[in-house]
Amino acid sequence: MNKQEIIDQFDPNSAGLTDANIYGLPFENEMCNIILIPVPWEVTVSYGSGAAEGPAHIFEASFQVDLHHEKFPGLWKEGIGMDEIPNELQVLGNEMRPKAERIIAMHEEGINMQDNAEAAELLAQVNAACETMNQWVENRVEFWQGKGKKVALLGGDHSTPLGYYRALAKKHEHYGILHIDAHMDLRIAYEGFQYSHASIMYNTIQLPQVNKLVQVGIRDFCALEDQVTQDFSHKVKVFSDFQLQSRMIEGETWKSICDHIIDQLPEKILISFDIDGLDPTLCPNTGTPVPGGLSYAQALYLLNKAAEKKQLIGFDLVEVAPGEDDWNGNVGARLLFHLCGLFDQAKV
């Protein structure tokens, strides 16, 4: 059957097909407008774990999402497909995680890492594996781009999108990033890991094509990261959670604040959404939850306004981790569906 015949025969009001694509949709990936690249990786995480299971967790929770979206009622007909979760990355990540944990433990024990042969060897192995992951992501993004698809990334920890950003840098001369997160992620090779989840945005602003990074909801950062924002003040603009909440307490509307945020961005934008940018009641099992953060409604309003005023060229959603129930996956799946709706309407 062709795509229209499948649409005509599918009942979007029924329970999702458990043997189908993400959200229970009946389309093969080749028929989908949007392809999600799952990256089950969390090698360098330094606190809570579970993000590597995020793509599978969201996939499972997605079948509980009603397909009639208030803002995008016809989204399901366009097709959202999730690429196969790569077993080779899972195997490599599982092999590297204990080695990274050993490096972290050595740091905590106060061992002189520069003169330690074991540390040097382990670090070289972990950094090489992370670059392998980055290259896999870049190649996979380019594969689906070559088929005319809109491509987004589903992590994994926040180190996972660098290859995605590199692929977009080959297509777009310049673009900015709207980064929603509790953390700046501007540490330089955190704990020696060149591609740490805590270094993703430092690595990203080294790309000459990324001409603006606008961070929203930040509420946990170190002095080094604060210095980086000053050194790269021409490229980085931070809207901390404290600043945002203070402005609202003093009477400023969320609309005017969002207008100010969006005005800092260039014409082309990518959205990088770390789930811990939300209030932690919405993501209690994420790796590094921090008090404060955006409400779900605030986040969607900001995303909507950004997509209305700018040209959305991609997005990533990261750091969703399962717990004892499917709450994190439920929130992640609904946020992902909304992001797909915005991306579907964008001219890329």
Foldseek 3Di string as FASTA:
>chain_A
DALVVQVVPDDLPDQADPVDFALNANDDPLQAQEEEEEQLADQQFDFFDFQSCQVVLLSVLSRVDRQCDPVQRCLSSRHYGYDDHDPVNVVLRVVLNVLNVVLSVCVVVVHPLVPDPSNVVSLVSNLVSLVVLLCVVLVVVVVVVVSVHQYAYEDDAQLRCPSVLVNVVVVAQAFEEEEQAQAPLCDCCVSVRNRHSSNNVVVNVVRPRHQAYEYEAHNDYDPVSVVVCVVVVRHYHYDHLVNVVVCVVVPDDLVVVLVVSLVRTDQEYEYEYEPLQAACVQQVNFRDHDHGHHHPVSVLVSVVVNLVRHAYRYYYYGRQGDDPDSRSSNSVNVVVSSVSSSNVPGDD
